Structures are given as C-alpha cells and as structure tokens.
Amino acid sequence: MTFIEIVANVTWLEFSVGTSLGFPLYFFVLIPVSIYILYTEHSQRFRFIFLGCAFIFNILGYLFFFQILSFFLPETDISFPALLTFLTFNTICVSFMIGFLSLYFMLHMQTQFSIIEKENSVLSEMSFRDELTGLYNRRFMKDFLEKAFASSDKEFCVAMSDLDFFKQFNDRFGHEAGDLILKTTASLLSPYSEETKIAVCRWGGEEFLFYFPMPPQNAELILNQIRENIEKSVLAYKDKLLQVTMTFGISDSAKNYGLLSQMIDDADSRLYRGKNEGRNRVIL
C-alpha cells in the first residue's frame, strides 16, 4: 500500500505540474521515500502515521509551488525543444523513482521470503525431531519405515532397544538425571547415524528404534559397537557417576513379514529375550 501511494503521488505531481515545476517536487517525493526505506527497516509501528505525513507533505509541496511561486513563471512560451527536453528529464526522474522503488521492494520481499523459508525449514525439522534428544521422533520413523517396507526390493532390518534399569535411575536420582542419560545416549548414537547412513529415533520413553539398510549381520556388528561404547561411557550427575547399558533386538525384512508392525514386534520380542538373558547384548 505504501508503494502504491508513493507511485500515485509521483504520477500526480507529474501530470499536475510536470510541465513547469515538476522537477523540484521530485525532491519532495525523495525525502519521504528515503525516510520510509530507512525507518521501516527497524520498526513497523508508525506505518500509518508515516503515510499520513508523507501525503500531507506532498499536498503542502503542491500548494507551495502553485500558490506562492506561480508569479515567478515566465509569461513567454517555452520553445518546443526546451519543453521536450524538460518533459524527457521529468519522465526519466519518474521512471527512476518507480524503478528504484520496484527494485527495493522486490529485494525486500525476496529477503522476507528467504527468512520465511528458513523459518519453515526449522519448523519442519522440529516437527520430526524429538525435543529432548534431537533424534527422529516416532511419527517420522513410522512413516519412513512404511515407505521402506512398501518397497520390498531392498533388504533392511530394524532394531528395537532400550536402556537397562532406566526406571531405577529415574526413581533413585530423579527425572533430571533420566533426561541427562537420554540426551547423552542420543549423542552417542548420532555419529553412527551419520557415518553408516542408519536412521535412529526415540520410539518412546527409554526405547530407541533403528533402521539399517543392510543385512542383519552388518547391523549386529554396528549395534555391538554402539553397545560397547555406551557401556564404557560414564555420566557425571552432581556428585554421582552414572553408568548405563543397552539391550538390542533385531528383525530382518527378508523374513517376509505381512505388516511393518509385525516386524517391529519381532524386534521388540528379541529385545525382551535379551533382557531375560542378562541385558547388555544384541539378539539377532
């Protein structure tokens, strides 16, 4: 709206006094335009006040040049070459102003679109990330696995895991310690996700679900590396040193499950078998 008003003012001045005193009035237009461009980079609160002032300013300029300086106009006719030169110059000034405003607002809108796209990207990232751990959340992983399960031409496997005796840590040291354990575990899992192209999500509570685009034997090797790394890690919480372990169960798509849920349940049953056998192990 501001752009339209400024262009309308420039056009009005051109048609009303452009053949005589239009040129000086361009400076009147330049001033509020410059103020607007500089000012609105920092604040939008007084937009309508500015628009009103700019409009009044142009009215006063119009009255000043027509009422006070009209007697200074020469009575003799202006020669056609001089008039043509003057009109051409005025047209160039108007074109410059409109072009300048158009360029500015195009660049300004492009900047705003870039900011919006960046914010949308951040929001999109947040929508499929777990808030506490930063890993993928359950909704994203479920959709991801559904797509992988539908394209049965490539073998993959999933692994269900959880932290051993996690409830005891929560009950003894509090949920703050539990959150620290979950975040630290996630930080230990993330490098493997980047290096081996696997996907890891926080499935719920202390449970984590893995996707491996590889045969289960290769997944077992990676999970044992992860398990050993977690076992060796010591967490400092206040004046306590906490040490956790993790148990894993793997299921393979080559077994031709009818549903993805059956494949996940199979991995889950192997996880609980590992817990019954002593925890801190990988069951294939």
Protein backbone atom coordinates (compact mmCIF):
# COMPACT_ATOMS: atom_id res chain seq x y z
CA MET A 1 0.00 0.00 0.00
CA THR A 2 2.85 2.38 0.77
CA PHE A 3 4.45 1.65 -2.57
CA ILE A 4 1.17 2.33 -4.40
CA GLU A 5 0.69 5.62 -2.56
CA ILE A 6 4.20 6.86 -3.36
CA VAL A 7 3.88 5.95 -7.04
CA ALA A 8 0.46 7.65 -7.14
CA ASN A 9 1.96 10.81 -5.64
CA VAL A 10 4.79 10.86 -8.17
CA THR A 11 2.35 10.35 -11.04
CA TRP A 12 0.00 13.03 -9.69
CA LEU A 13 2.83 15.55 -9.45
CA GLU A 14 3.95 14.74 -12.98
CA PHE A 15 0.53 15.28 -14.54
CA SER A 16 -0.34 18.34 -12.43
CA VAL A 17 2.85 20.42 -12.56
CA GLY A 18 5.29 18.32 -14.56
CA THR A 19 5.44 20.76 -17.47
CA SER A 20 6.53 23.68 -15.31
CA LEU A 21 7.74 22.99 -11.79
CA GLY A 22 7.59 19.21 -11.62
CA PHE A 23 11.32 18.77 -11.26
CA PRO A 24 11.70 20.38 -7.79
CA LEU A 25 8.79 18.33 -6.49
CA TYR A 26 10.70 15.12 -7.12
CA PHE A 27 12.93 16.08 -4.24
CA PHE A 28 9.85 16.30 -2.03
CA VAL A 29 8.99 12.75 -3.05
CA LEU A 30 12.54 11.53 -2.49
CA ILE A 31 12.58 12.67 1.15
CA PRO A 32 9.62 10.63 2.48
CA VAL A 33 10.64 7.66 0.36
CA SER A 34 14.14 7.71 1.83
CA ILE A 35 12.77 8.13 5.35
CA TYR A 36 10.38 5.23 4.81
CA ILE A 37 13.08 2.89 3.50
CA LEU A 38 15.44 3.68 6.37
CA TYR A 39 12.80 3.75 9.08
CA THR A 40 10.80 0.66 8.28
CA GLU A 41 13.92 -1.46 8.34
CA HIS A 42 13.71 -1.12 12.13
CA SER A 43 10.04 -0.64 13.01
CA GLN A 44 6.55 -1.02 11.58
CA ARG A 45 4.62 0.58 14.46
CA PHE A 46 4.10 4.00 12.91
CA ARG A 47 3.35 2.98 9.33
CA PHE A 48 0.02 4.83 9.10
CA ILE A 49 1.46 7.94 10.77
CA PHE A 50 4.20 7.99 8.16
CA LEU A 51 1.74 7.51 5.30
CA GLY A 52 -0.36 10.43 6.52
CA CYS A 53 2.67 12.69 6.96
CA ALA A 54 4.01 11.80 3.50
CA PHE A 55 0.64 12.57 1.92
CA ILE A 56 0.31 15.92 3.74
CA PHE A 57 3.89 16.77 2.83
CA ASN A 58 3.17 16.28 -0.85
CA ILE A 59 -0.02 18.38 -0.63
CA LEU A 60 1.92 21.23 1.00
CA GLY A 61 4.58 21.00 -1.70
CA TYR A 62 1.91 21.15 -4.36
CA LEU A 63 0.28 24.25 -2.80
CA PHE A 64 3.62 25.94 -2.21
CA PHE A 65 4.72 25.72 -5.82
CA PHE A 66 1.34 26.65 -7.27
CA GLN A 67 0.20 29.42 -4.93
CA ILE A 68 3.39 31.11 -3.76
CA LEU A 69 5.79 30.69 -6.67
CA SER A 70 3.32 30.90 -9.53
CA PHE A 71 4.11 34.58 -10.20
CA PHE A 72 7.73 33.64 -10.95
CA LEU A 73 6.69 31.62 -14.00
CA PRO A 74 7.82 33.21 -17.28
CA GLU A 75 4.99 34.61 -19.40
CA THR A 76 6.65 33.73 -22.67
CA ASP A 77 6.04 30.35 -24.20
CA ILE A 78 8.73 27.73 -23.77
CA SER A 79 10.29 26.57 -27.01
CA PHE A 80 9.40 23.07 -28.17
CA PRO A 81 12.99 21.65 -27.86
CA ALA A 82 13.25 23.05 -24.31
CA LEU A 83 9.82 21.70 -23.39
CA LEU A 84 10.66 18.33 -24.91
CA THR A 85 13.95 18.23 -23.01
CA PHE A 86 12.24 19.17 -19.77
CA LEU A 87 9.46 16.61 -20.20
CA THR A 88 12.02 13.94 -21.08
CA PHE A 89 14.01 14.75 -17.98
CA ASN A 90 10.86 14.62 -15.85
CA THR A 91 9.94 11.26 -17.38
CA ILE A 92 13.39 9.90 -16.61
CA CYS A 93 13.04 11.10 -13.00
CA VAL A 94 9.66 9.44 -12.61
CA SER A 95 10.93 6.23 -14.22
CA PHE A 96 13.94 6.25 -11.95
CA MET A 97 11.79 6.69 -8.85
CA ILE A 98 9.38 3.91 -9.85
CA GLY A 99 12.27 1.64 -10.85
CA PHE A 100 14.11 2.34 -7.62
CA LEU A 101 11.02 1.63 -5.53
CA SER A 102 10.25 -1.51 -7.51
CA LEU A 103 13.79 -2.80 -7.10
CA TYR A 104 13.82 -2.03 -3.40
CA PHE A 105 10.51 -3.73 -2.69
CA MET A 106 11.45 -6.73 -4.84
CA LEU A 107 14.69 -7.17 -2.90
CA HIS A 108 12.86 -6.58 0.36
CA MET A 109 10.23 -9.20 -0.47
CA GLN A 110 12.93 -11.64 -1.57
CA THR A 111 14.63 -11.18 1.80
CA GLN A 112 11.34 -11.74 3.60
CA PHE A 113 10.67 -14.90 1.57
CA SER A 114 14.15 -16.18 2.41
CA ILE A 115 13.50 -15.59 6.10
CA ILE A 116 10.12 -17.33 5.88
CA GLU A 117 11.64 -20.31 4.03
CA LYS A 118 14.34 -20.59 6.67
CA GLU A 119 11.78 -20.45 9.48
CA ASN A 120 9.61 -23.03 7.71
CA SER A 121 12.64 -25.28 7.33
CA VAL A 122 13.36 -25.00 11.05
CA LEU A 123 9.71 -25.72 11.90
CA SER A 124 9.69 -28.69 9.53
CA GLU A 125 12.84 -30.02 11.17
CA MET A 126 11.31 -29.59 14.60
CA SER A 127 8.16 -31.44 13.54
CA PHE A 128 10.01 -34.74 13.05
CA ARG A 129 12.63 -34.37 15.77
CA ASP A 130 12.32 -35.45 19.38
CA GLU A 131 12.51 -32.36 21.56
CA LEU A 132 14.70 -33.88 24.28
CA THR A 133 17.20 -35.98 22.34
CA GLY A 134 17.20 -34.33 18.91
CA LEU A 135 16.76 -37.73 17.26
CA TYR A 136 13.90 -38.53 14.90
CA ASN A 137 10.55 -38.91 16.62
CA ARG A 138 8.19 -41.87 16.41
CA ARG A 139 5.88 -40.30 13.83
CA PHE A 140 8.71 -39.64 11.37
CA MET A 141 10.25 -43.07 11.82
CA LYS A 142 6.93 -44.82 11.36
CA ASP A 143 6.31 -43.02 8.06
CA PHE A 144 9.89 -43.66 6.98
CA LEU A 145 9.68 -47.38 7.73
CA GLU A 146 6.30 -47.69 6.00
CA LYS A 147 7.92 -46.44 2.78
CA ALA A 148 10.88 -48.77 3.20
CA PHE A 149 8.56 -51.69 3.95
CA ALA A 150 6.43 -50.96 0.87
CA SER A 151 9.47 -51.14 -1.44
CA SER A 152 10.44 -54.72 -0.78
CA ASP A 153 13.18 -54.78 -3.43
CA LYS A 154 15.85 -53.78 -0.90
CA GLU A 155 16.64 -55.72 2.27
CA PHE A 156 16.70 -53.83 5.54
CA CYS A 157 16.36 -54.56 9.21
CA VAL A 158 15.12 -52.78 12.29
CA ALA A 159 16.39 -52.93 15.83
CA MET A 160 14.45 -52.12 18.98
CA SER A 161 16.45 -51.16 22.06
CA ASP A 162 16.10 -49.62 25.47
CA LEU A 163 18.29 -48.60 28.38
CA ASP A 164 18.72 -51.24 31.06
CA PHE A 165 17.27 -50.44 34.51
CA PHE A 166 16.32 -46.96 33.36
CA LYS A 167 13.36 -46.78 35.77
CA GLN A 168 15.70 -47.36 38.69
CA PHE A 169 17.84 -44.41 37.62
CA ASN A 170 14.74 -42.23 37.45
CA ASP A 171 13.45 -43.39 40.83
CA ARG A 172 16.80 -43.01 42.57
CA PHE A 173 18.21 -39.84 41.01
CA GLY A 174 15.13 -38.11 39.58
CA HIS A 175 13.87 -37.31 36.10
CA GLU A 176 16.58 -34.71 35.56
CA ALA A 177 19.17 -37.48 35.72
CA GLY A 178 16.99 -39.58 33.42
CA ASP A 179 16.85 -36.77 30.87
CA LEU A 180 20.63 -36.43 31.04
CA ILE A 181 21.03 -40.15 30.36
CA LEU A 182 18.68 -39.97 27.37
CA LYS A 183 20.43 -36.93 25.87
CA THR A 184 23.88 -38.44 26.39
CA THR A 185 22.78 -41.72 24.83
CA ALA A 186 21.40 -39.84 21.83
CA SER A 187 24.71 -38.00 21.42
CA LEU A 188 26.48 -41.38 21.31
CA LEU A 189 24.06 -42.71 18.69
CA SER A 190 24.14 -39.70 16.33
CA PRO A 191 27.69 -40.24 14.95
CA TYR A 192 26.79 -43.78 13.88
CA SER A 193 23.70 -42.46 12.13
CA GLU A 194 25.82 -40.01 10.10
CA GLU A 195 28.63 -42.45 9.27
CA THR A 196 26.65 -45.59 8.40
CA LYS A 197 23.51 -43.97 6.92
CA ILE A 198 21.26 -45.60 9.50
CA ALA A 199 18.23 -43.86 10.99
CA VAL A 200 17.64 -43.66 14.73
CA CYS A 201 14.55 -42.44 16.55
CA ARG A 202 13.35 -42.17 20.11
CA TRP A 203 10.44 -44.58 19.95
CA GLY A 204 9.12 -43.71 23.38
CA GLY A 205 10.41 -43.34 26.94
CA GLU A 206 13.84 -45.01 27.02
CA GLU A 207 13.20 -47.03 23.84
CA PHE A 208 15.09 -46.34 20.59
CA LEU A 209 14.33 -47.78 17.16
CA PHE A 210 17.00 -48.23 14.47
CA TYR A 211 16.72 -48.65 10.70
CA PHE A 212 19.60 -50.39 8.89
CA PRO A 213 19.67 -50.50 5.04
CA MET A 214 21.86 -53.62 5.20
CA PRO A 215 21.79 -57.31 6.13
CA PRO A 216 21.22 -58.09 9.83
CA GLN A 217 24.77 -59.41 10.32
CA ASN A 218 26.19 -55.97 9.46
CA ALA A 219 23.63 -54.31 11.71
CA GLU A 220 24.64 -56.62 14.54
CA LEU A 221 28.29 -55.52 14.24
CA ILE A 222 27.34 -51.84 14.38
CA LEU A 223 24.99 -52.36 17.33
CA ASN A 224 27.68 -54.17 19.28
CA GLN A 225 29.99 -51.21 18.70
CA ILE A 226 27.26 -48.89 19.96
CA ARG A 227 26.57 -51.17 22.95
CA GLU A 228 30.24 -51.25 23.97
CA ASN A 229 30.57 -47.51 23.54
CA ILE A 230 27.57 -46.87 25.79
CA GLU A 231 28.83 -49.36 28.37
CA LYS A 232 32.20 -47.57 28.59
CA SER A 233 30.62 -44.12 28.98
CA VAL A 234 30.39 -42.60 32.45
CA LEU A 235 27.97 -39.74 33.12
CA ALA A 236 28.68 -37.18 35.85
CA TYR A 237 25.50 -36.07 37.57
CA LYS A 238 26.01 -33.75 40.54
CA ASP A 239 28.32 -35.75 42.82
CA LYS A 240 27.39 -39.10 41.25
CA LEU A 241 28.89 -41.11 38.40
CA LEU A 242 26.25 -42.92 36.35
CA GLN A 243 26.91 -45.85 34.04
CA VAL A 244 24.25 -47.42 31.82
CA THR A 245 23.97 -50.30 29.39
CA MET A 246 21.66 -51.04 26.48
CA THR A 247 19.97 -54.12 25.04
CA PHE A 248 19.01 -54.61 21.38
CA GLY A 249 16.76 -56.89 19.35
CA ILE A 250 16.97 -57.16 15.52
CA SER A 251 14.42 -58.26 12.93
CA ASP A 252 15.07 -58.69 9.20
CA SER A 253 12.78 -57.79 6.29
CA ALA A 254 13.92 -60.94 4.45
CA LYS A 255 11.54 -62.92 6.66
CA ASN A 256 8.65 -61.50 4.63
CA TYR A 257 6.52 -60.04 7.39
CA GLY A 258 2.95 -59.28 6.37
CA LEU A 259 2.91 -55.95 8.21
CA LEU A 260 5.52 -53.48 9.41
CA SER A 261 4.05 -53.73 12.91
CA GLN A 262 4.84 -57.46 12.93
CA MET A 263 8.46 -56.72 12.04
CA ILE A 264 8.75 -54.16 14.85
CA ASP A 265 7.04 -56.51 17.31
CA ASP A 266 9.50 -59.25 16.38
CA ALA A 267 12.43 -56.90 17.11
CA ASP A 268 10.75 -55.97 20.38
CA SER A 269 10.34 -59.63 21.41
CA ARG A 270 14.05 -60.24 20.72
CA LEU A 271 14.86 -57.19 22.84
CA TYR A 272 12.97 -58.68 25.80
CA ARG A 273 14.62 -62.01 25.22
CA GLY A 274 17.95 -60.24 25.55
CA LYS A 275 16.80 -58.66 28.83
CA ASN A 276 15.77 -62.05 30.17
CA GLU A 277 19.18 -63.45 29.21
CA GLY A 278 21.06 -60.84 31.23
CA ARG A 279 20.78 -57.50 29.34
CA ASN A 280 23.60 -55.52 27.67
CA ARG A 281 23.55 -57.63 24.50
CA VAL A 282 22.36 -57.79 20.88
CA ILE A 283 19.88 -60.53 19.93
CA LEU A 284 19.61 -61.41 16.23
